[in-house]
Amino acid sequence: MNILAVDDEFGVAHALAFALSNPARQLTLAFSADEALARVTHHSQSFDVVIIDHKMPRMSGIELVRRLRGVNFGGKIIVCPPT
């Protein structure tokens, strides 16, 4: 399973990486919505799941979902609610 985790907070992104680390999973981190969109559209490896922080600067998690669907991303998307 290939997972892309997107969070603008370095500590949270690495906590996700720690929590999701498993030999059966390939985890990629992105620290902005723009970086995540670039990884999905230009990455040779497809992602099964994208985990997105809802509140990020410049582009919200909801806007990222819209853009992912706009480039025909067919995987699952999980948006973490704001705290």
Protein backbone atom coordinates (compact mmCIF):
# COMPACT_ATOMS: atom_id res chain seq x y z
CA MET A 1 0.00 0.00 0.00
CA ASN A 2 1.34 3.43 -0.96
CA ILE A 3 0.32 6.32 1.31
CA LEU A 4 0.91 10.05 0.90
CA ALA A 5 0.64 12.03 4.15
CA VAL A 6 0.26 15.82 3.80
CA ASP A 7 0.77 18.18 6.72
CA ASP A 8 2.47 21.56 6.91
CA GLU A 9 3.64 20.90 10.47
CA PHE A 10 6.91 18.97 10.43
CA GLY A 11 6.27 17.26 13.79
CA VAL A 12 2.77 16.10 12.87
CA ALA A 13 3.94 14.75 9.51
CA HIS A 14 6.69 12.75 11.18
CA ALA A 15 4.30 11.50 13.87
CA LEU A 16 2.08 10.19 11.07
CA ALA A 17 5.10 8.54 9.50
CA PHE A 18 5.95 6.86 12.81
CA ALA A 19 2.35 5.73 13.40
CA LEU A 20 1.92 4.36 9.89
CA SER A 21 5.33 2.80 9.41
CA ASN A 22 5.05 -0.84 8.48
CA PRO A 23 6.96 -3.04 6.01
CA ALA A 24 3.73 -3.54 4.06
CA ARG A 25 3.32 0.21 3.47
CA GLN A 26 5.31 2.76 1.51
CA LEU A 27 4.83 6.18 3.10
CA THR A 28 5.67 9.47 1.39
CA LEU A 29 5.48 12.83 3.17
CA ALA A 30 4.51 16.18 1.67
CA PHE A 31 4.70 19.40 3.67
CA SER A 32 2.30 21.49 1.58
CA ALA A 33 -0.74 21.00 -0.61
CA ASP A 34 1.26 22.16 -3.64
CA GLU A 35 3.95 19.55 -2.95
CA ALA A 36 1.30 16.85 -2.53
CA LEU A 37 -0.41 17.76 -5.79
CA ALA A 38 2.94 17.67 -7.59
CA ARG A 39 3.76 14.26 -6.11
CA VAL A 40 0.42 12.83 -7.21
CA THR A 41 0.58 14.26 -10.73
CA HIS A 42 4.31 13.74 -11.41
CA HIS A 43 5.18 10.74 -9.29
CA SER A 44 5.82 7.51 -11.14
CA GLN A 45 4.39 5.62 -8.17
CA SER A 46 0.64 5.84 -7.64
CA PHE A 47 -0.81 6.35 -4.18
CA ASP A 48 -3.61 4.24 -2.73
CA VAL A 49 -4.42 6.70 0.05
CA VAL A 50 -3.76 10.39 0.68
CA ILE A 51 -4.08 11.66 4.27
CA ILE A 52 -4.54 15.44 4.32
CA ASP A 53 -4.46 18.05 7.06
CA HIS A 54 -7.60 20.18 6.76
CA LYS A 55 -5.96 23.49 7.67
CA MET A 56 -2.85 24.41 5.70
CA PRO A 57 -1.57 27.74 4.40
CA ARG A 58 -2.14 28.78 0.75
CA MET A 59 -4.39 25.79 -0.06
CA SER A 60 -6.77 24.09 2.35
CA GLY A 61 -7.19 20.34 2.57
CA ILE A 62 -10.64 20.64 0.98
CA GLU A 63 -9.20 22.57 -1.99
CA LEU A 64 -6.52 19.90 -2.34
CA VAL A 65 -9.25 17.24 -2.48
CA ARG A 66 -10.95 19.20 -5.30
CA ARG A 67 -7.70 19.42 -7.22
CA LEU A 68 -6.86 15.76 -6.70
CA ARG A 69 -10.26 14.79 -8.06
CA GLY A 70 -9.65 17.24 -10.93
CA VAL A 71 -6.56 15.27 -11.99
CA ASN A 72 -8.55 12.02 -11.70
CA PHE A 73 -6.87 10.72 -8.55
CA GLY A 74 -8.72 7.46 -7.95
CA GLY A 75 -7.42 6.54 -4.50
CA LYS A 76 -8.94 7.06 -1.09
CA ILE A 77 -8.65 10.46 0.60
CA ILE A 78 -8.76 11.06 4.34
CA VAL A 79 -9.03 14.65 5.56
CA CYS A 80 -8.08 15.18 9.21
CA PRO A 81 -10.47 17.68 10.82
CA PRO A 82 -9.16 20.86 12.44
CA THR A 83 -8.61 20.73 16.16
